[in-house]
Amino acid sequence: EFNPSSIIWDYEFDFQKAVPSYLEGADTTAYNLNKKAVYFNGISSRLTLPNSKDEFENGSFAVYVEWMPTNSKDNTQQIIGHYNWEIWQYNNSLRFRIGRVNNATGQVYNINYPITSDFFNQKHSALAIYNPGENGYIELYIDKKFIQRIGIGKDIIWKEYNGNKDLSFGNPLNKDFDFYQGYIYKADFSYTDLSLWSNNSSFKT
């Protein structure tokens, strides 16, 4: 069974004690002592990691996040993302997407996990994997359950599509997207190839 503490993460964003001081936009979020998490209000709450526009897309990566969504009406609520890859909270699904790939007109790949209303106001975890290569793929796990693997062939994330945007929580500063409403407990990022974990059949049970 996957244990996030067993991974040496390149970035660990621990929201269980406070808003990390190195993130910008903390004045629009609030730490909730009872939940031991940061609350995003769905209106203006957003956090970014400064000077990270050129990070988070160099080869394989894995993103792990623990969150509790509270808004079951709006779509395109960004939990965490870097504009050309993101984990989204929708009112009827949870989505991991990458793209565009290769160039400005390249494809976008999505893994959608259908949900119902009882998914909200509950704590969840997600592990998203991007593993480019000769037979590349993306993969998603929700609450430690294997959801889906999608092959992407030799496609790779097109870095220029990022538009010089930093890693963000809550909203990528795009007027077409909704602000996330709910709690985030922690988020971790690793450049480690986690295919050994994802290829382990016991992890998929």
N, C-alpha and C. Protein backbone atom coordinates (compact mmCIF):
# COMPACT_ATOMS: atom_id res chain seq x y z
N GLU A 1 0.84 -1.19 0.00
CA GLU A 1 0.00 0.00 0.00
C GLU A 1 0.88 1.24 0.00
N PHE A 2 0.57 2.18 -0.86
CA PHE A 2 1.40 3.36 -1.03
C PHE A 2 1.41 4.21 0.23
N ASN A 3 2.62 4.57 0.66
CA ASN A 3 2.80 5.41 1.83
C ASN A 3 3.61 6.63 1.40
N PRO A 4 3.00 7.83 1.36
CA PRO A 4 3.74 9.00 0.87
C PRO A 4 4.98 9.32 1.68
N SER A 5 5.00 8.94 2.95
CA SER A 5 6.17 9.22 3.78
C SER A 5 7.36 8.36 3.41
N SER A 6 7.16 7.34 2.58
CA SER A 6 8.26 6.47 2.16
C SER A 6 9.00 7.03 0.95
N ILE A 7 8.49 8.12 0.38
CA ILE A 7 9.10 8.73 -0.79
C ILE A 7 9.92 9.94 -0.37
N ILE A 8 11.09 10.10 -0.96
CA ILE A 8 11.87 11.32 -0.76
C ILE A 8 11.40 12.32 -1.81
N TRP A 9 10.58 13.26 -1.39
CA TRP A 9 9.98 14.23 -2.30
C TRP A 9 10.93 15.39 -2.55
N ASP A 10 10.91 15.91 -3.76
CA ASP A 10 11.71 17.09 -4.07
C ASP A 10 11.08 18.35 -3.49
N TYR A 11 9.75 18.36 -3.40
CA TYR A 11 9.02 19.47 -2.79
C TYR A 11 7.95 18.89 -1.86
N GLU A 12 7.87 19.43 -0.67
CA GLU A 12 6.83 19.04 0.28
C GLU A 12 6.13 20.31 0.78
N PHE A 13 4.86 20.42 0.46
CA PHE A 13 4.07 21.58 0.90
C PHE A 13 3.13 21.10 2.02
N ASP A 14 3.52 21.39 3.25
CA ASP A 14 2.76 20.93 4.41
C ASP A 14 1.86 22.06 4.90
N PHE A 15 0.56 21.90 4.63
CA PHE A 15 -0.42 22.90 5.05
C PHE A 15 -1.08 22.53 6.38
N GLN A 16 -0.59 21.50 7.04
CA GLN A 16 -1.26 21.01 8.24
C GLN A 16 -0.92 21.84 9.48
N LYS A 17 0.08 22.71 9.37
CA LYS A 17 0.45 23.57 10.50
C LYS A 17 0.23 25.04 10.21
N ALA A 18 0.43 25.43 8.94
CA ALA A 18 0.28 26.84 8.56
C ALA A 18 0.44 26.93 7.06
N VAL A 19 0.24 28.14 6.54
CA VAL A 19 0.56 28.41 5.15
C VAL A 19 2.08 28.57 5.05
N PRO A 20 2.77 27.76 4.27
CA PRO A 20 4.23 27.92 4.16
C PRO A 20 4.60 29.35 3.78
N SER A 21 5.55 29.93 4.49
CA SER A 21 5.89 31.33 4.33
C SER A 21 6.48 31.65 2.96
N TYR A 22 7.02 30.64 2.28
CA TYR A 22 7.66 30.88 0.99
C TYR A 22 6.65 30.93 -0.16
N LEU A 23 5.38 30.64 0.11
CA LEU A 23 4.35 30.74 -0.92
C LEU A 23 3.76 32.14 -0.93
N GLU A 24 3.42 32.63 -2.10
CA GLU A 24 2.82 33.95 -2.22
C GLU A 24 1.30 33.84 -2.28
N GLY A 25 0.64 34.89 -1.78
CA GLY A 25 -0.82 34.91 -1.80
C GLY A 25 -1.44 34.41 -0.52
N ALA A 26 -0.63 34.26 0.54
CA ALA A 26 -1.14 33.71 1.80
C ALA A 26 -2.23 34.59 2.41
N ASP A 27 -2.24 35.87 2.07
CA ASP A 27 -3.25 36.76 2.65
C ASP A 27 -4.65 36.45 2.15
N THR A 28 -4.78 35.62 1.11
CA THR A 28 -6.10 35.28 0.59
C THR A 28 -6.55 33.90 1.05
N THR A 29 -5.79 33.29 1.92
CA THR A 29 -6.14 31.98 2.44
C THR A 29 -6.12 32.01 3.96
N ALA A 30 -6.71 31.01 4.57
CA ALA A 30 -6.77 30.99 6.03
C ALA A 30 -6.46 29.58 6.53
N TYR A 31 -5.63 29.51 7.55
CA TYR A 31 -5.34 28.23 8.19
C TYR A 31 -6.46 27.89 9.15
N ASN A 32 -6.99 26.69 9.05
CA ASN A 32 -8.07 26.24 9.91
C ASN A 32 -7.51 25.29 10.96
N LEU A 33 -7.53 25.72 12.21
CA LEU A 33 -6.93 24.95 13.29
C LEU A 33 -7.64 23.61 13.49
N ASN A 34 -8.96 23.60 13.39
CA ASN A 34 -9.72 22.36 13.61
C ASN A 34 -9.44 21.34 12.51
N LYS A 35 -9.37 21.80 11.26
CA LYS A 35 -9.12 20.90 10.14
C LYS A 35 -7.63 20.60 9.97
N LYS A 36 -6.77 21.46 10.56
CA LYS A 36 -5.33 21.37 10.35
C LYS A 36 -5.02 21.37 8.86
N ALA A 37 -5.56 22.38 8.19
CA ALA A 37 -5.41 22.52 6.75
C ALA A 37 -5.61 23.98 6.38
N VAL A 38 -5.27 24.31 5.15
CA VAL A 38 -5.51 25.66 4.64
C VAL A 38 -6.82 25.67 3.88
N TYR A 39 -7.64 26.69 4.16
CA TYR A 39 -8.95 26.81 3.52
C TYR A 39 -8.87 27.79 2.34
N PHE A 40 -9.38 27.36 1.20
CA PHE A 40 -9.49 28.19 0.01
C PHE A 40 -10.96 28.57 -0.17
N ASN A 41 -11.25 29.87 -0.28
CA ASN A 41 -12.63 30.34 -0.18
C ASN A 41 -13.45 30.25 -1.46
N GLY A 42 -12.83 29.88 -2.60
CA GLY A 42 -13.57 29.75 -3.84
C GLY A 42 -13.84 31.07 -4.53
N ILE A 43 -13.32 32.16 -3.99
CA ILE A 43 -13.55 33.49 -4.56
C ILE A 43 -12.24 34.13 -5.00
N SER A 44 -11.27 34.13 -4.11
CA SER A 44 -10.00 34.79 -4.42
C SER A 44 -8.79 34.02 -3.91
N SER A 45 -8.99 32.94 -3.18
CA SER A 45 -7.87 32.22 -2.57
C SER A 45 -6.99 31.56 -3.62
N ARG A 46 -5.71 31.86 -3.52
CA ARG A 46 -4.75 31.31 -4.48
C ARG A 46 -3.36 31.41 -3.88
N LEU A 47 -2.56 30.37 -4.06
CA LEU A 47 -1.18 30.37 -3.63
C LEU A 47 -0.28 30.00 -4.80
N THR A 48 0.90 30.61 -4.84
CA THR A 48 1.86 30.27 -5.89
C THR A 48 3.24 30.10 -5.29
N LEU A 49 4.06 29.33 -5.98
CA LEU A 49 5.46 29.17 -5.61
C LEU A 49 6.29 30.07 -6.51
N PRO A 50 6.88 31.15 -5.98
CA PRO A 50 7.61 32.11 -6.83
C PRO A 50 8.78 31.46 -7.56
N ASN A 51 9.03 31.98 -8.74
CA ASN A 51 10.20 31.59 -9.54
C ASN A 51 10.20 30.10 -9.88
N SER A 52 9.02 29.56 -10.13
CA SER A 52 8.93 28.12 -10.44
C SER A 52 8.42 27.87 -11.86
N LYS A 53 8.46 28.90 -12.70
CA LYS A 53 7.91 28.75 -14.05
C LYS A 53 8.67 27.72 -14.88
N ASP A 54 9.94 27.49 -14.57
CA ASP A 54 10.75 26.56 -15.34
C ASP A 54 10.93 25.22 -14.63
N GLU A 55 10.15 24.99 -13.59
CA GLU A 55 10.25 23.74 -12.83
C GLU A 55 9.07 22.82 -13.17
N PHE A 56 9.12 21.61 -12.64
CA PHE A 56 7.98 20.69 -12.60
C PHE A 56 7.59 20.07 -13.94
N GLU A 57 8.46 20.12 -14.93
CA GLU A 57 8.12 19.47 -16.20
C GLU A 57 9.32 18.79 -16.84
N ASN A 58 10.38 18.59 -16.07
CA ASN A 58 11.61 18.04 -16.63
C ASN A 58 11.65 16.53 -16.45
N GLY A 59 11.02 15.81 -17.35
CA GLY A 59 10.99 14.36 -17.27
C GLY A 59 9.89 13.86 -16.37
N SER A 60 10.03 12.62 -15.91
CA SER A 60 8.99 11.98 -15.10
C SER A 60 8.73 12.76 -13.82
N PHE A 61 7.47 12.75 -13.38
CA PHE A 61 7.17 13.33 -12.08
C PHE A 61 5.95 12.66 -11.48
N ALA A 62 5.81 12.86 -10.17
CA ALA A 62 4.64 12.38 -9.44
C ALA A 62 4.17 13.49 -8.52
N VAL A 63 2.85 13.64 -8.41
CA VAL A 63 2.25 14.64 -7.55
C VAL A 63 1.29 13.93 -6.60
N TYR A 64 1.45 14.21 -5.32
CA TYR A 64 0.55 13.63 -4.31
C TYR A 64 -0.12 14.78 -3.56
N VAL A 65 -1.43 14.68 -3.36
CA VAL A 65 -2.15 15.75 -2.68
C VAL A 65 -3.25 15.16 -1.80
N GLU A 66 -3.48 15.79 -0.65
CA GLU A 66 -4.60 15.46 0.23
C GLU A 66 -5.47 16.71 0.35
N TRP A 67 -6.77 16.57 0.09
CA TRP A 67 -7.66 17.72 0.06
C TRP A 67 -9.08 17.33 0.46
N MET A 68 -9.91 18.34 0.75
CA MET A 68 -11.32 18.14 1.02
C MET A 68 -12.11 19.20 0.25
N PRO A 69 -12.79 18.82 -0.84
CA PRO A 69 -13.56 19.79 -1.60
C PRO A 69 -14.90 20.08 -0.91
N THR A 70 -15.35 21.32 -0.99
CA THR A 70 -16.63 21.68 -0.38
C THR A 70 -17.61 22.31 -1.37
N ASN A 71 -17.16 22.61 -2.57
CA ASN A 71 -18.01 23.25 -3.58
C ASN A 71 -18.40 22.21 -4.63
N SER A 72 -19.65 21.78 -4.62
CA SER A 72 -20.13 20.76 -5.54
C SER A 72 -20.86 21.35 -6.74
N LYS A 73 -20.73 22.66 -6.96
CA LYS A 73 -21.45 23.31 -8.05
C LYS A 73 -20.53 23.70 -9.21
N ASP A 74 -19.36 24.25 -8.88
CA ASP A 74 -18.48 24.79 -9.92
C ASP A 74 -17.53 23.74 -10.46
N ASN A 75 -17.16 23.92 -11.73
CA ASN A 75 -16.16 23.07 -12.38
C ASN A 75 -14.82 23.79 -12.43
N THR A 76 -13.84 23.15 -13.02
CA THR A 76 -12.49 23.69 -13.22
C THR A 76 -11.92 24.35 -11.98
N GLN A 77 -12.08 23.71 -10.83
CA GLN A 77 -11.45 24.18 -9.60
C GLN A 77 -10.07 23.53 -9.51
N GLN A 78 -9.04 24.35 -9.65
CA GLN A 78 -7.69 23.81 -9.63
C GLN A 78 -7.24 23.54 -8.20
N ILE A 79 -6.85 22.30 -7.91
CA ILE A 79 -6.27 21.96 -6.62
C ILE A 79 -4.78 22.31 -6.65
N ILE A 80 -4.07 21.78 -7.63
CA ILE A 80 -2.65 22.10 -7.82
C ILE A 80 -2.35 21.97 -9.30
N GLY A 81 -1.44 22.80 -9.80
CA GLY A 81 -1.10 22.68 -11.20
C GLY A 81 -0.02 23.64 -11.64
N HIS A 82 0.43 23.42 -12.86
CA HIS A 82 1.47 24.24 -13.47
C HIS A 82 1.05 24.68 -14.86
N TYR A 83 -0.22 24.77 -15.08
CA TYR A 83 -0.90 25.22 -16.29
C TYR A 83 -0.89 24.18 -17.41
N ASN A 84 0.22 23.53 -17.69
CA ASN A 84 0.18 22.48 -18.70
C ASN A 84 0.13 21.09 -18.07
N TRP A 85 -0.03 21.02 -16.77
CA TRP A 85 -0.49 19.82 -16.07
C TRP A 85 -1.20 20.30 -14.81
N GLU A 86 -2.29 19.66 -14.47
CA GLU A 86 -3.08 20.10 -13.33
C GLU A 86 -3.95 18.97 -12.79
N ILE A 87 -4.30 19.10 -11.52
CA ILE A 87 -5.32 18.25 -10.91
C ILE A 87 -6.52 19.14 -10.63
N TRP A 88 -7.64 18.80 -11.24
CA TRP A 88 -8.84 19.62 -11.19
C TRP A 88 -9.95 18.96 -10.38
N GLN A 89 -10.70 19.77 -9.64
CA GLN A 89 -11.92 19.32 -8.98
C GLN A 89 -13.11 19.81 -9.79
N TYR A 90 -13.89 18.89 -10.32
CA TYR A 90 -15.14 19.21 -11.01
C TYR A 90 -16.31 18.83 -10.11
N ASN A 91 -17.51 19.23 -10.52
CA ASN A 91 -18.68 18.89 -9.69
C ASN A 91 -19.10 17.44 -9.86
N ASN A 92 -18.61 16.79 -10.91
CA ASN A 92 -18.98 15.39 -11.13
C ASN A 92 -17.77 14.50 -11.43
N SER A 93 -16.56 15.04 -11.25
CA SER A 93 -15.37 14.23 -11.51
C SER A 93 -14.14 14.88 -10.90
N LEU A 94 -13.10 14.10 -10.81
CA LEU A 94 -11.76 14.57 -10.44
C LEU A 94 -10.89 14.30 -11.66
N ARG A 95 -10.10 15.27 -12.09
CA ARG A 95 -9.37 15.14 -13.36
C ARG A 95 -7.89 15.43 -13.19
N PHE A 96 -7.07 14.57 -13.81
CA PHE A 96 -5.64 14.85 -13.99
C PHE A 96 -5.42 15.04 -15.48
N ARG A 97 -4.82 16.18 -15.85
CA ARG A 97 -4.61 16.47 -17.26
C ARG A 97 -3.18 16.93 -17.50
N ILE A 98 -2.68 16.60 -18.69
CA ILE A 98 -1.43 17.17 -19.17
C ILE A 98 -1.66 17.70 -20.58
N GLY A 99 -0.91 18.71 -20.96
CA GLY A 99 -1.00 19.22 -22.33
C GLY A 99 -1.19 20.72 -22.34
N ARG A 100 -0.82 21.29 -23.41
CA ARG A 100 -0.62 20.59 -24.66
C ARG A 100 0.73 19.88 -24.69
N VAL A 101 0.83 18.90 -25.61
CA VAL A 101 2.08 18.16 -25.72
C VAL A 101 2.76 18.49 -27.04
N ASN A 102 4.07 18.49 -27.00
CA ASN A 102 4.95 18.62 -28.18
C ASN A 102 4.99 20.02 -28.80
N ASN A 103 3.82 20.66 -28.97
CA ASN A 103 3.79 21.97 -29.61
C ASN A 103 2.46 22.66 -29.28
N ALA A 104 2.26 23.85 -29.88
CA ALA A 104 1.11 24.69 -29.54
C ALA A 104 -0.22 24.07 -29.93
N THR A 105 -0.22 23.15 -30.87
CA THR A 105 -1.47 22.52 -31.30
C THR A 105 -1.55 21.07 -30.85
N GLY A 106 -0.68 20.70 -29.93
CA GLY A 106 -0.63 19.32 -29.49
C GLY A 106 -1.84 18.90 -28.68
N GLN A 107 -1.92 17.62 -28.43
CA GLN A 107 -3.06 17.02 -27.75
C GLN A 107 -3.04 17.31 -26.25
N VAL A 108 -4.22 17.24 -25.65
CA VAL A 108 -4.37 17.27 -24.20
C VAL A 108 -4.85 15.90 -23.76
N TYR A 109 -4.21 15.33 -22.74
CA TYR A 109 -4.60 14.03 -22.20
C TYR A 109 -5.27 14.21 -20.85
N ASN A 110 -6.39 13.50 -20.65
CA ASN A 110 -7.14 13.59 -19.39
C ASN A 110 -7.41 12.21 -18.83
N ILE A 111 -7.34 12.11 -17.51
CA ILE A 111 -7.91 10.97 -16.79
C ILE A 111 -9.00 11.53 -15.91
N ASN A 112 -10.23 11.06 -16.10
CA ASN A 112 -11.38 11.53 -15.33
C ASN A 112 -11.87 10.44 -14.39
N TYR A 113 -12.07 10.80 -13.14
CA TYR A 113 -12.61 9.89 -12.14
C TYR A 113 -14.01 10.38 -11.77
N PRO A 114 -15.07 9.69 -12.20
CA PRO A 114 -16.43 10.15 -11.90
C PRO A 114 -16.71 10.12 -10.40
N ILE A 115 -17.43 11.13 -9.92
CA ILE A 115 -17.78 11.20 -8.51
C ILE A 115 -19.25 11.57 -8.37
N THR A 116 -19.78 11.39 -7.16
CA THR A 116 -21.14 11.79 -6.83
C THR A 116 -21.08 12.82 -5.70
N SER A 117 -22.23 13.30 -5.28
CA SER A 117 -22.28 14.39 -4.30
C SER A 117 -21.64 14.02 -2.97
N ASP A 118 -21.62 12.72 -2.62
CA ASP A 118 -21.04 12.33 -1.33
C ASP A 118 -19.52 12.37 -1.34
N PHE A 119 -18.91 12.68 -2.48
CA PHE A 119 -17.46 12.85 -2.54
C PHE A 119 -17.03 14.12 -1.83
N PHE A 120 -17.93 15.11 -1.78
CA PHE A 120 -17.60 16.41 -1.20
C PHE A 120 -17.72 16.36 0.32
N ASN A 121 -16.97 17.30 0.94
CA ASN A 121 -16.92 17.40 2.39
C ASN A 121 -16.34 16.14 3.03
N GLN A 122 -15.50 15.46 2.28
CA GLN A 122 -14.76 14.30 2.75
C GLN A 122 -13.30 14.48 2.34
N LYS A 123 -12.40 14.00 3.16
CA LYS A 123 -10.97 14.10 2.84
C LYS A 123 -10.58 13.01 1.85
N HIS A 124 -9.77 13.39 0.86
CA HIS A 124 -9.33 12.45 -0.17
C HIS A 124 -7.84 12.62 -0.44
N SER A 125 -7.28 11.64 -1.12
CA SER A 125 -5.90 11.72 -1.56
C SER A 125 -5.83 11.34 -3.03
N ALA A 126 -4.87 11.93 -3.72
CA ALA A 126 -4.66 11.61 -5.13
C ALA A 126 -3.16 11.51 -5.40
N LEU A 127 -2.80 10.55 -6.23
CA LEU A 127 -1.44 10.42 -6.73
C LEU A 127 -1.51 10.43 -8.24
N ALA A 128 -0.88 11.41 -8.87
CA ALA A 128 -0.86 11.53 -10.32
C ALA A 128 0.56 11.34 -10.81
N ILE A 129 0.72 10.54 -11.86
CA ILE A 129 2.04 10.20 -12.38
C ILE A 129 2.12 10.55 -13.86
N TYR A 130 3.22 11.21 -14.22
CA TYR A 130 3.54 11.50 -15.63
C TYR A 130 4.86 10.82 -15.92
N ASN A 131 4.86 9.88 -16.86
CA ASN A 131 6.05 9.09 -17.13
C ASN A 131 6.29 9.04 -18.64
N PRO A 132 6.97 10.05 -19.19
CA PRO A 132 7.23 10.06 -20.64
C PRO A 132 8.33 9.07 -21.01
N GLY A 133 8.36 8.72 -22.29
CA GLY A 133 9.38 7.79 -22.76
C GLY A 133 8.94 7.15 -24.05
N GLU A 134 9.57 6.03 -24.38
CA GLU A 134 9.23 5.31 -25.61
C GLU A 134 7.78 4.88 -25.60
N ASN A 135 7.32 4.44 -24.44
CA ASN A 135 5.90 4.08 -24.26
C ASN A 135 5.38 4.82 -23.05
N GLY A 136 5.33 6.14 -23.16
CA GLY A 136 4.95 6.97 -22.02
C GLY A 136 3.50 6.81 -21.61
N TYR A 137 3.21 7.28 -20.40
CA TYR A 137 1.84 7.19 -19.90
C TYR A 137 1.61 8.20 -18.78
N ILE A 138 0.35 8.44 -18.50
CA ILE A 138 -0.05 9.13 -17.28
C ILE A 138 -0.94 8.19 -16.50
N GLU A 139 -1.01 8.43 -15.20
CA GLU A 139 -1.69 7.47 -14.33
C GLU A 139 -2.29 8.23 -13.15
N LEU A 140 -3.38 7.70 -12.60
CA LEU A 140 -4.05 8.36 -11.49
C LEU A 140 -4.54 7.35 -10.48
N TYR A 141 -4.35 7.69 -9.21
CA TYR A 141 -4.86 6.92 -8.09
C TYR A 141 -5.65 7.87 -7.20
N ILE A 142 -6.81 7.44 -6.75
CA ILE A 142 -7.63 8.22 -5.83
C ILE A 142 -7.87 7.39 -4.58
N ASP A 143 -7.60 7.96 -3.43
CA ASP A 143 -7.79 7.27 -2.15
C ASP A 143 -7.14 5.89 -2.17
N LYS A 144 -5.92 5.86 -2.74
CA LYS A 144 -5.07 4.66 -2.80
C LYS A 144 -5.64 3.57 -3.70
N LYS A 145 -6.55 3.94 -4.59
CA LYS A 145 -7.10 2.98 -5.55
C LYS A 145 -6.67 3.36 -6.96
N PHE A 146 -6.21 2.37 -7.71
CA PHE A 146 -5.83 2.60 -9.09
C PHE A 146 -7.05 2.97 -9.91
N ILE A 147 -6.97 4.10 -10.64
CA ILE A 147 -8.09 4.55 -11.46
C ILE A 147 -7.88 4.22 -12.93
N GLN A 148 -6.76 4.70 -13.50
CA GLN A 148 -6.56 4.47 -14.92
C GLN A 148 -5.15 4.84 -15.33
N ARG A 149 -4.66 4.15 -16.35
CA ARG A 149 -3.43 4.52 -17.03
C ARG A 149 -3.76 4.78 -18.48
N ILE A 150 -3.26 5.91 -19.01
CA ILE A 150 -3.46 6.26 -20.41
C ILE A 150 -2.10 6.37 -21.08
N GLY A 151 -1.93 5.66 -22.17
CA GLY A 151 -0.69 5.75 -22.92
C GLY A 151 -0.59 7.05 -23.69
N ILE A 152 0.59 7.66 -23.69
CA ILE A 152 0.82 8.90 -24.43
C ILE A 152 1.91 8.73 -25.48
N GLY A 153 2.35 7.50 -25.70
CA GLY A 153 3.37 7.25 -26.70
C GLY A 153 4.66 7.98 -26.38
N LYS A 154 5.18 8.70 -27.36
CA LYS A 154 6.41 9.48 -27.19
C LYS A 154 6.12 10.95 -26.88
N ASP A 155 4.86 11.29 -26.68
CA ASP A 155 4.50 12.68 -26.43
C ASP A 155 5.09 13.17 -25.10
N ILE A 156 5.46 14.44 -25.08
CA ILE A 156 5.96 15.06 -23.86
C ILE A 156 5.30 16.42 -23.68
N ILE A 157 5.23 16.86 -22.44
CA ILE A 157 4.65 18.17 -22.15
C ILE A 157 5.44 19.25 -22.87
N TRP A 158 4.72 20.13 -23.56
CA TRP A 158 5.34 21.26 -24.23
C TRP A 158 5.51 22.38 -23.22
N LYS A 159 6.75 22.65 -22.83
CA LYS A 159 7.01 23.59 -21.74
C LYS A 159 6.56 25.01 -22.07
N GLU A 160 6.65 25.40 -23.34
CA GLU A 160 6.30 26.77 -23.70
C GLU A 160 4.82 27.07 -23.46
N TYR A 161 3.99 26.03 -23.41
CA TYR A 161 2.56 26.24 -23.16
C TYR A 161 2.30 26.76 -21.76
N ASN A 162 3.26 26.61 -20.89
CA ASN A 162 3.10 27.05 -19.50
C ASN A 162 2.86 28.55 -19.40
N GLY A 163 3.32 29.33 -20.37
CA GLY A 163 3.09 30.76 -20.35
C GLY A 163 3.75 31.47 -19.18
N ASN A 164 4.90 30.94 -18.74
CA ASN A 164 5.66 31.55 -17.64
C ASN A 164 4.88 31.60 -16.34
N LYS A 165 3.98 30.66 -16.11
CA LYS A 165 3.20 30.63 -14.89
C LYS A 165 3.88 29.77 -13.83
N ASP A 166 3.81 30.23 -12.59
CA ASP A 166 4.38 29.49 -11.47
C ASP A 166 3.44 28.38 -11.04
N LEU A 167 4.00 27.43 -10.27
CA LEU A 167 3.17 26.41 -9.66
C LEU A 167 2.11 27.09 -8.80
N SER A 168 0.87 26.63 -8.89
CA SER A 168 -0.21 27.31 -8.18
C SER A 168 -1.16 26.34 -7.51
N PHE A 169 -1.79 26.83 -6.46
CA PHE A 169 -2.85 26.13 -5.75
C PHE A 169 -4.09 27.01 -5.79
N GLY A 170 -5.24 26.44 -6.13
CA GLY A 170 -6.51 27.17 -6.04
C GLY A 170 -6.99 27.79 -7.31
N ASN A 171 -6.08 28.29 -8.16
CA ASN A 171 -6.45 28.90 -9.43
C ASN A 171 -5.17 29.27 -10.19
N PRO A 172 -5.13 29.01 -11.51
CA PRO A 172 -3.94 29.35 -12.30
C PRO A 172 -3.96 30.78 -12.81
N LEU A 173 -4.76 31.65 -12.22
CA LEU A 173 -4.93 33.03 -12.66
C LEU A 173 -5.42 33.10 -14.10
N ASN A 174 -6.49 32.39 -14.35
CA ASN A 174 -7.13 32.39 -15.65
C ASN A 174 -8.61 32.63 -15.42
N LYS A 175 -9.16 33.66 -16.04
CA LYS A 175 -10.55 34.04 -15.80
C LYS A 175 -11.54 32.99 -16.24
N ASP A 176 -11.10 32.04 -17.07
CA ASP A 176 -12.01 31.00 -17.55
C ASP A 176 -12.18 29.87 -16.54
N PHE A 177 -11.38 29.87 -15.48
CA PHE A 177 -11.42 28.78 -14.51
C PHE A 177 -11.98 29.26 -13.18
N ASP A 178 -12.67 28.36 -12.49
CA ASP A 178 -13.21 28.68 -11.17
C ASP A 178 -12.12 28.57 -10.11
N PHE A 179 -12.30 29.30 -9.02
CA PHE A 179 -11.42 29.17 -7.86
C PHE A 179 -11.85 27.94 -7.06
N TYR A 180 -10.86 27.25 -6.54
CA TYR A 180 -11.13 26.07 -5.71
C TYR A 180 -11.69 26.49 -4.36
N GLN A 181 -12.68 25.75 -3.89
CA GLN A 181 -13.23 25.97 -2.56
C GLN A 181 -13.11 24.68 -1.75
N GLY A 182 -12.43 24.78 -0.62
CA GLY A 182 -12.25 23.62 0.23
C GLY A 182 -10.91 23.69 0.94
N TYR A 183 -10.45 22.55 1.41
CA TYR A 183 -9.22 22.48 2.21
C TYR A 183 -8.13 21.74 1.44
N ILE A 184 -6.90 22.13 1.68
CA ILE A 184 -5.74 21.36 1.23
C ILE A 184 -4.87 21.09 2.45
N TYR A 185 -4.56 19.82 2.67
CA TYR A 185 -3.78 19.40 3.83
C TYR A 185 -2.29 19.33 3.52
N LYS A 186 -1.98 18.80 2.36
CA LYS A 186 -0.58 18.69 1.98
C LYS A 186 -0.49 18.41 0.49
N ALA A 187 0.67 18.70 -0.06
CA ALA A 187 0.95 18.39 -1.46
C ALA A 187 2.43 18.10 -1.59
N ASP A 188 2.78 17.07 -2.33
CA ASP A 188 4.16 16.66 -2.52
C ASP A 188 4.44 16.49 -4.00
N PHE A 189 5.68 16.77 -4.39
CA PHE A 189 6.08 16.63 -5.79
C PHE A 189 7.44 15.96 -5.85
N SER A 190 7.57 15.02 -6.80
CA SER A 190 8.85 14.32 -6.96
C SER A 190 9.17 14.13 -8.43
N TYR A 191 10.45 14.31 -8.76
CA TYR A 191 10.92 13.98 -10.10
C TYR A 191 11.26 12.50 -10.21
N THR A 192 11.08 11.76 -9.14
CA THR A 192 11.38 10.33 -9.13
C THR A 192 10.40 9.59 -10.02
N ASP A 193 10.91 8.63 -10.78
CA ASP A 193 10.05 7.76 -11.58
C ASP A 193 9.39 6.75 -10.64
N LEU A 194 8.09 6.91 -10.44
CA LEU A 194 7.37 6.02 -9.52
C LEU A 194 6.75 4.83 -10.23
N SER A 195 7.27 4.47 -11.39
CA SER A 195 6.70 3.34 -12.12
C SER A 195 6.82 2.03 -11.34
N LEU A 196 7.83 1.92 -10.47
CA LEU A 196 7.94 0.71 -9.66
C LEU A 196 6.74 0.58 -8.73
N TRP A 197 6.27 1.71 -8.22
CA TRP A 197 5.07 1.68 -7.40
C TRP A 197 3.84 1.36 -8.25
N SER A 198 3.71 2.06 -9.36
CA SER A 198 2.50 1.93 -10.15
C SER A 198 2.40 0.58 -10.85
N ASN A 199 3.54 -0.10 -11.07
CA ASN A 199 3.52 -1.40 -11.71
C ASN A 199 3.34 -2.53 -10.70
N ASN A 200 3.28 -2.17 -9.42
CA ASN A 200 3.12 -3.16 -8.37
C ASN A 200 1.64 -3.50 -8.23
N SER A 201 1.27 -4.73 -8.52
CA SER A 201 -0.15 -5.08 -8.54
C SER A 201 -0.80 -4.90 -7.17
N SER A 202 -0.03 -5.06 -6.09
CA SER A 202 -0.61 -4.91 -4.76
C SER A 202 -1.01 -3.46 -4.50
N PHE A 203 -0.37 -2.53 -5.21
CA PHE A 203 -0.71 -1.12 -5.06
C PHE A 203 -2.06 -0.83 -5.70
N LYS A 204 -2.47 -1.67 -6.65
CA LYS A 204 -3.70 -1.42 -7.39
C LYS A 204 -4.92 -2.09 -6.76
N THR A 205 -4.76 -2.71 -5.62
CA THR A 205 -5.89 -3.39 -4.99
C THR A 205 -6.60 -2.47 -4.05
